[in-house]
Amino acid sequence: MKKLLLAIAIVALFSFSVIAEFNTYKTPLVSPRTYGQGGVQRVTHYDPRVNFAHIKTMVYMSPPGPEQFKGAGRGGYAPMYPRATAYIQSTPWYGNPQAKVDVNTKDLPVSAEIDGHFEVWLVDTDTGYRTTVGTFTTAFGGVGELRYKTQNYFDAYDIVEITVEPFDDVDISPGPVVLLGIIPEPTYFNPDSKSAKMIIPPALVTY
């Protein structure tokens, strides 16, 4: 009789512990998505950098058509023609992407002389989608600059363009393209898979 009562008590204690465990268990899929503590990363070792490209490149921009030089310099060279550089950076990071565009120009028309300014665009040639990153004016020598920062990804864009726009522009479509450059192919984060290594307890190792 004592053995039966003892067995019943043990079964009851085990049942209560199992029920308590089920009540306190939380699946990692619905736990707070803090890196290293829960969420999909805890279950699948998901790395969001695989899905987005890392861009850190310099784009050299030139006129889209034949270059029309203005005069000649020493030795017969033609030093005056529109040109620009665009430094583009896009850093993939889970939940906090960072991107920027820095543009510097030379020998563009002076804004005061043409009564207009210039606008920088990023273009996706696959879809035709374009987004503006801002406008700037040029001073003597066609020198101008633009600094743009955003929390976004730039891996979809293939071309950077500069268009000329009037100061009182009310048309949302881009004006004539004066400079453009092709953005080099971005690099994606594709780490090599690590080979699995079986750890053998020292007690099982035979020499």
C-alpha atoms as a PDB file:
ATOM      1  CA  MET A   1       0.000   0.000   0.000  1.00  0.00           C
ATOM      2  CA  LYS A   2       2.821   2.385   0.862  1.00  0.00           C
ATOM      3  CA  LYS A   3       4.552   1.634  -2.448  1.00  0.00           C
ATOM      4  CA  LEU A   4       1.321   2.412  -4.359  1.00  0.00           C
ATOM      5  CA  LEU A   5       0.865   5.738  -2.567  1.00  0.00           C
ATOM      6  CA  LEU A   6       4.519   6.608  -3.211  1.00  0.00           C
ATOM      7  CA  ALA A   7       4.133   5.823  -6.922  1.00  0.00           C
ATOM      8  CA  ILE A   8       0.978   7.986  -7.150  1.00  0.00           C
ATOM      9  CA  ALA A   9       2.770  10.875  -5.433  1.00  0.00           C
ATOM     10  CA  ILE A  10       5.714  10.644  -7.840  1.00  0.00           C
ATOM     11  CA  VAL A  11       3.394  10.599 -10.893  1.00  0.00           C
ATOM     12  CA  ALA A  12       1.480  13.620  -9.537  1.00  0.00           C
ATOM     13  CA  LEU A  13       4.657  15.617  -8.970  1.00  0.00           C
ATOM     14  CA  PHE A  14       5.911  14.792 -12.473  1.00  0.00           C
ATOM     15  CA  SER A  15       2.571  15.836 -14.007  1.00  0.00           C
ATOM     16  CA  PHE A  16       2.591  19.175 -12.181  1.00  0.00           C
ATOM     17  CA  SER A  17       6.148  19.902 -13.347  1.00  0.00           C
ATOM     18  CA  VAL A  18       5.264  19.127 -16.990  1.00  0.00           C
ATOM     19  CA  ILE A  19       2.167  21.381 -16.856  1.00  0.00           C
ATOM     20  CA  ALA A  20       4.168  24.192 -15.294  1.00  0.00           C
ATOM     21  CA  GLU A  21       6.820  23.852 -18.010  1.00  0.00           C
ATOM     22  CA  PHE A  22       4.230  24.087 -20.789  1.00  0.00           C
ATOM     23  CA  ASN A  23       2.664  27.146 -19.183  1.00  0.00           C
ATOM     24  CA  THR A  24       5.965  29.017 -18.971  1.00  0.00           C
ATOM     25  CA  TYR A  25       7.344  27.936 -22.388  1.00  0.00           C
ATOM     26  CA  LYS A  26       7.524  30.631 -25.070  1.00  0.00           C
ATOM     27  CA  THR A  27       8.428  29.836 -28.642  1.00  0.00           C
ATOM     28  CA  PRO A  28      11.429  31.824 -29.899  1.00  0.00           C
ATOM     29  CA  LEU A  29       9.373  32.796 -32.961  1.00  0.00           C
ATOM     30  CA  VAL A  30       7.195  35.145 -30.907  1.00  0.00           C
ATOM     31  CA  SER A  31       9.767  36.270 -28.386  1.00  0.00           C
ATOM     32  CA  PRO A  32      11.252  39.801 -28.648  1.00  0.00           C
ATOM     33  CA  ARG A  33      13.299  40.103 -31.820  1.00  0.00           C
ATOM     34  CA  THR A  34      16.510  41.212 -30.175  1.00  0.00           C
ATOM     35  CA  TYR A  35      19.590  39.940 -31.977  1.00  0.00           C
ATOM     36  CA  GLY A  36      21.022  36.979 -30.127  1.00  0.00           C
ATOM     37  CA  GLN A  37      18.074  36.616 -27.754  1.00  0.00           C
ATOM     38  CA  GLY A  38      15.083  35.593 -29.827  1.00  0.00           C
ATOM     39  CA  GLY A  39      13.209  35.902 -33.075  1.00  0.00           C
ATOM     40  CA  VAL A  40      13.955  34.186 -36.344  1.00  0.00           C
ATOM     41  CA  GLN A  41      17.720  34.666 -35.849  1.00  0.00           C
ATOM     42  CA  ARG A  42      17.631  32.303 -32.862  1.00  0.00           C
ATOM     43  CA  VAL A  43      15.967  29.528 -34.836  1.00  0.00           C
ATOM     44  CA  THR A  44      17.548  29.727 -38.307  1.00  0.00           C
ATOM     45  CA  HIS A  45      20.674  31.864 -37.764  1.00  0.00           C
ATOM     46  CA  TYR A  46      19.152  34.280 -40.261  1.00  0.00           C
ATOM     47  CA  ASP A  47      21.540  36.972 -41.483  1.00  0.00           C
ATOM     48  CA  PRO A  48      19.740  39.901 -43.166  1.00  0.00           C
ATOM     49  CA  ARG A  49      22.939  41.072 -44.863  1.00  0.00           C
ATOM     50  CA  VAL A  50      22.563  38.227 -47.356  1.00  0.00           C
ATOM     51  CA  ASN A  51      19.536  39.949 -48.900  1.00  0.00           C
ATOM     52  CA  PHE A  52      21.074  43.409 -49.422  1.00  0.00           C
ATOM     53  CA  ALA A  53      24.172  44.606 -51.209  1.00  0.00           C
ATOM     54  CA  HIS A  54      27.073  46.495 -49.717  1.00  0.00           C
ATOM     55  CA  ILE A  55      27.945  49.511 -51.882  1.00  0.00           C
ATOM     56  CA  LYS A  56      30.992  51.709 -51.452  1.00  0.00           C
ATOM     57  CA  THR A  57      32.029  53.088 -54.801  1.00  0.00           C
ATOM     58  CA  MET A  58      32.999  56.194 -56.772  1.00  0.00           C
ATOM     59  CA  VAL A  59      31.067  56.952 -59.966  1.00  0.00           C
ATOM     60  CA  TYR A  60      32.684  59.187 -62.598  1.00  0.00           C
ATOM     61  CA  MET A  61      30.049  61.174 -64.488  1.00  0.00           C
ATOM     62  CA  SER A  62      30.255  62.644 -67.974  1.00  0.00           C
ATOM     63  CA  PRO A  63      27.820  64.132 -70.534  1.00  0.00           C
ATOM     64  CA  PRO A  64      25.466  61.579 -72.121  1.00  0.00           C
ATOM     65  CA  GLY A  65      26.271  62.650 -75.696  1.00  0.00           C
ATOM     66  CA  PRO A  66      29.364  63.890 -77.526  1.00  0.00           C
ATOM     67  CA  GLU A  67      31.413  66.217 -75.358  1.00  0.00           C
ATOM     68  CA  GLN A  68      31.366  69.848 -76.471  1.00  0.00           C
ATOM     69  CA  PHE A  69      34.594  71.457 -75.314  1.00  0.00           C
ATOM     70  CA  LYS A  70      34.814  75.169 -74.530  1.00  0.00           C
ATOM     71  CA  GLY A  71      38.093  76.509 -75.823  1.00  0.00           C
ATOM     72  CA  ALA A  72      41.544  75.009 -75.644  1.00  0.00           C
ATOM     73  CA  GLY A  73      44.149  75.065 -72.937  1.00  0.00           C
ATOM     74  CA  ARG A  74      47.932  74.913 -72.888  1.00  0.00           C
ATOM     75  CA  GLY A  75      49.329  72.458 -75.413  1.00  0.00           C
ATOM     76  CA  GLY A  76      46.062  72.139 -77.344  1.00  0.00           C
ATOM     77  CA  TYR A  77      44.165  70.339 -74.582  1.00  0.00           C
ATOM     78  CA  ALA A  78      40.506  71.133 -73.977  1.00  0.00           C
ATOM     79  CA  PRO A  79      40.272  71.426 -70.174  1.00  0.00           C
ATOM     80  CA  MET A  80      36.735  72.804 -69.901  1.00  0.00           C
ATOM     81  CA  TYR A  81      33.952  70.242 -70.119  1.00  0.00           C
ATOM     82  CA  PRO A  82      31.258  69.206 -67.621  1.00  0.00           C
ATOM     83  CA  ARG A  83      32.214  66.403 -65.282  1.00  0.00           C
ATOM     84  CA  ALA A  84      31.416  65.161 -61.810  1.00  0.00           C
ATOM     85  CA  THR A  85      32.091  62.442 -59.274  1.00  0.00           C
ATOM     86  CA  ALA A  86      29.482  60.739 -57.120  1.00  0.00           C
ATOM     87  CA  TYR A  87      30.534  58.799 -54.046  1.00  0.00           C
ATOM     88  CA  ILE A  88      27.771  56.297 -53.227  1.00  0.00           C
ATOM     89  CA  GLN A  89      27.636  54.218 -50.079  1.00  0.00           C
ATOM     90  CA  SER A  90      24.936  51.814 -48.887  1.00  0.00           C
ATOM     91  CA  THR A  91      25.501  49.681 -45.810  1.00  0.00           C
ATOM     92  CA  PRO A  92      23.213  46.713 -45.090  1.00  0.00           C
ATOM     93  CA  TRP A  93      22.283  46.333 -41.449  1.00  0.00           C
ATOM     94  CA  TYR A  94      19.254  44.658 -39.931  1.00  0.00           C
ATOM     95  CA  GLY A  95      16.634  47.273 -39.125  1.00  0.00           C
ATOM     96  CA  ASN A  96      19.007  50.238 -39.573  1.00  0.00           C
ATOM     97  CA  PRO A  97      20.321  50.661 -43.142  1.00  0.00           C
ATOM     98  CA  GLN A  98      22.551  53.646 -43.852  1.00  0.00           C
ATOM     99  CA  ALA A  99      23.186  55.231 -47.252  1.00  0.00           C
ATOM    100  CA  LYS A 100      24.641  58.436 -48.619  1.00  0.00           C
ATOM    101  CA  VAL A 101      25.486  60.198 -51.876  1.00  0.00           C
ATOM    102  CA  ASP A 102      28.207  62.867 -52.196  1.00  0.00           C
ATOM    103  CA  VAL A 103      28.372  64.683 -55.542  1.00  0.00           C
ATOM    104  CA  ASN A 104      31.025  67.176 -56.713  1.00  0.00           C
ATOM    105  CA  THR A 105      30.850  68.905 -60.100  1.00  0.00           C
ATOM    106  CA  LYS A 106      33.028  71.110 -62.285  1.00  0.00           C
ATOM    107  CA  ASP A 107      32.503  73.120 -65.468  1.00  0.00           C
ATOM    108  CA  LEU A 108      28.720  72.877 -65.391  1.00  0.00           C
ATOM    109  CA  PRO A 109      26.798  76.024 -66.442  1.00  0.00           C
ATOM    110  CA  VAL A 110      26.698  78.614 -63.674  1.00  0.00           C
ATOM    111  CA  SER A 111      23.283  78.700 -61.995  1.00  0.00           C
ATOM    112  CA  ALA A 112      23.100  82.501 -62.051  1.00  0.00           C
ATOM    113  CA  GLU A 113      23.652  82.540 -65.816  1.00  0.00           C
ATOM    114  CA  ILE A 114      21.033  79.918 -66.716  1.00  0.00           C
ATOM    115  CA  ASP A 115      18.516  80.880 -63.987  1.00  0.00           C
ATOM    116  CA  GLY A 116      18.347  77.259 -62.833  1.00  0.00           C
ATOM    117  CA  HIS A 117      19.808  74.615 -60.595  1.00  0.00           C
ATOM    118  CA  PHE A 118      20.713  70.938 -60.886  1.00  0.00           C
ATOM    119  CA  GLU A 119      19.067  67.795 -59.534  1.00  0.00           C
ATOM    120  CA  VAL A 120      20.627  64.397 -58.772  1.00  0.00           C
ATOM    121  CA  TRP A 121      18.705  61.205 -59.509  1.00  0.00           C
ATOM    122  CA  LEU A 122      19.248  57.499 -58.853  1.00  0.00           C
ATOM    123  CA  VAL A 123      17.772  55.325 -61.605  1.00  0.00           C
ATOM    124  CA  ASP A 124      16.773  51.659 -61.702  1.00  0.00           C
ATOM    125  CA  THR A 125      17.037  50.643 -65.364  1.00  0.00           C
ATOM    126  CA  ASP A 126      15.104  47.382 -64.852  1.00  0.00           C
ATOM    127  CA  THR A 127      11.894  49.096 -63.753  1.00  0.00           C
ATOM    128  CA  GLY A 128      12.493  52.675 -64.919  1.00  0.00           C
ATOM    129  CA  TYR A 129      11.991  53.898 -61.360  1.00  0.00           C
ATOM    130  CA  ARG A 130      13.959  56.980 -60.392  1.00  0.00           C
ATOM    131  CA  THR A 131      14.318  58.817 -57.112  1.00  0.00           C
ATOM    132  CA  THR A 132      15.713  62.268 -56.458  1.00  0.00           C
ATOM    133  CA  VAL A 133      18.334  62.856 -53.798  1.00  0.00           C
ATOM    134  CA  GLY A 134      18.279  66.652 -53.908  1.00  0.00           C
ATOM    135  CA  THR A 135      19.226  69.791 -55.818  1.00  0.00           C
ATOM    136  CA  PHE A 136      22.258  72.070 -55.801  1.00  0.00           C
ATOM    137  CA  THR A 137      23.486  75.255 -57.461  1.00  0.00           C
ATOM    138  CA  THR A 138      26.769  75.951 -59.200  1.00  0.00           C
ATOM    139  CA  ALA A 139      29.116  78.893 -58.776  1.00  0.00           C
ATOM    140  CA  PHE A 140      32.008  80.234 -60.860  1.00  0.00           C
ATOM    141  CA  GLY A 141      33.677  77.433 -62.816  1.00  0.00           C
ATOM    142  CA  GLY A 142      30.574  75.275 -62.630  1.00  0.00           C
ATOM    143  CA  VAL A 143      31.611  74.049 -59.188  1.00  0.00           C
ATOM    144  CA  GLY A 144      28.827  72.559 -57.095  1.00  0.00           C
ATOM    145  CA  GLU A 145      28.285  69.913 -54.449  1.00  0.00           C
ATOM    146  CA  LEU A 146      25.504  67.859 -52.890  1.00  0.00           C
ATOM    147  CA  ARG A 147      25.488  65.834 -49.656  1.00  0.00           C
ATOM    148  CA  TYR A 148      22.639  63.406 -49.047  1.00  0.00           C
ATOM    149  CA  LYS A 149      22.062  60.853 -46.266  1.00  0.00           C
ATOM    150  CA  THR A 150      19.176  58.474 -45.681  1.00  0.00           C
ATOM    151  CA  GLN A 151      18.205  55.271 -43.889  1.00  0.00           C
ATOM    152  CA  ASN A 152      17.585  53.159 -46.960  1.00  0.00           C
ATOM    153  CA  TYR A 153      19.165  50.695 -49.389  1.00  0.00           C
ATOM    154  CA  PHE A 154      20.633  51.699 -52.767  1.00  0.00           C
ATOM    155  CA  ASP A 155      21.295  48.231 -54.208  1.00  0.00           C
ATOM    156  CA  ALA A 156      18.448  48.505 -56.781  1.00  0.00           C
ATOM    157  CA  TYR A 157      19.906  51.493 -58.642  1.00  0.00           C
ATOM    158  CA  ASP A 158      22.144  51.229 -61.706  1.00  0.00           C
ATOM    159  CA  ILE A 159      22.691  54.823 -62.870  1.00  0.00           C
ATOM    160  CA  VAL A 160      23.210  58.227 -61.252  1.00  0.00           C
ATOM    161  CA  GLU A 161      22.121  61.251 -63.288  1.00  0.00           C
ATOM    162  CA  ILE A 162      22.286  65.047 -63.007  1.00  0.00           C
ATOM    163  CA  THR A 163      19.585  67.081 -64.717  1.00  0.00           C
ATOM    164  CA  VAL A 164      19.168  70.833 -65.146  1.00  0.00           C
ATOM    165  CA  GLU A 165      15.959  72.331 -63.742  1.00  0.00           C
ATOM    166  CA  PRO A 166      14.551  75.884 -63.641  1.00  0.00           C
ATOM    167  CA  PHE A 167      14.407  77.631 -60.261  1.00  0.00           C
ATOM    168  CA  ASP A 168      10.617  77.894 -60.486  1.00  0.00           C
ATOM    169  CA  ASP A 169      10.224  74.261 -61.558  1.00  0.00           C
ATOM    170  CA  VAL A 170       6.750  72.814 -60.891  1.00  0.00           C
ATOM    171  CA  ASP A 171       7.143  69.737 -63.103  1.00  0.00           C
ATOM    172  CA  ILE A 172       7.977  66.574 -61.129  1.00  0.00           C
ATOM    173  CA  SER A 173       9.517  64.872 -64.170  1.00  0.00           C
ATOM    174  CA  PRO A 174      13.272  65.241 -64.708  1.00  0.00           C
ATOM    175  CA  GLY A 175      14.737  67.876 -67.023  1.00  0.00           C
ATOM    176  CA  PRO A 176      17.487  67.396 -69.621  1.00  0.00           C
ATOM    177  CA  VAL A 177      20.328  65.118 -68.468  1.00  0.00           C
ATOM    178  CA  VAL A 178      23.664  66.925 -68.377  1.00  0.00           C
ATOM    179  CA  LEU A 179      25.787  64.260 -66.620  1.00  0.00           C
ATOM    180  CA  LEU A 180      25.418  60.557 -65.921  1.00  0.00           C
ATOM    181  CA  GLY A 181      27.440  57.634 -64.652  1.00  0.00           C
ATOM    182  CA  ILE A 182      26.976  53.893 -64.280  1.00  0.00           C
ATOM    183  CA  ILE A 183      27.054  52.495 -60.752  1.00  0.00           C
ATOM    184  CA  PRO A 184      29.307  49.399 -60.602  1.00  0.00           C
ATOM    185  CA  GLU A 185      27.722  46.069 -59.760  1.00  0.00           C
ATOM    186  CA  PRO A 186      27.325  45.824 -55.978  1.00  0.00           C
ATOM    187  CA  THR A 187      28.749  43.010 -53.868  1.00  0.00           C
ATOM    188  CA  TYR A 188      26.434  40.829 -51.826  1.00  0.00           C
ATOM    189  CA  PHE A 189      27.204  39.249 -48.482  1.00  0.00           C
ATOM    190  CA  ASN A 190      27.347  35.520 -49.250  1.00  0.00           C
ATOM    191  CA  PRO A 191      29.498  33.825 -46.621  1.00  0.00           C
ATOM    192  CA  ASP A 192      30.748  30.325 -47.280  1.00  0.00           C
ATOM    193  CA  SER A 193      28.917  27.664 -45.310  1.00  0.00           C
ATOM    194  CA  LYS A 194      30.990  26.236 -42.495  1.00  0.00           C
ATOM    195  CA  SER A 195      31.591  22.512 -42.504  1.00  0.00           C
ATOM    196  CA  ALA A 196      30.123  20.679 -39.539  1.00  0.00           C
ATOM    197  CA  LYS A 197      32.634  19.360 -37.046  1.00  0.00           C
ATOM    198  CA  MET A 198      31.828  16.464 -34.731  1.00  0.00           C
ATOM    199  CA  ILE A 199      33.340  16.814 -31.277  1.00  0.00           C
ATOM    200  CA  ILE A 200      34.313  13.469 -29.809  1.00  0.00           C
ATOM    201  CA  PRO A 201      34.465  13.252 -26.023  1.00  0.00           C
ATOM    202  CA  PRO A 202      38.006  12.515 -24.795  1.00  0.00           C
ATOM    203  CA  ALA A 203      36.780   9.314 -23.124  1.00  0.00           C
ATOM    204  CA  LEU A 204      35.877   7.855 -26.539  1.00  0.00           C
ATOM    205  CA  VAL A 205      39.155   8.721 -28.236  1.00  0.00           C
ATOM    206  CA  THR A 206      41.388   5.711 -28.733  1.00  0.00           C
ATOM    207  CA  TYR A 207      45.101   6.066 -29.343  1.00  0.00           C
END
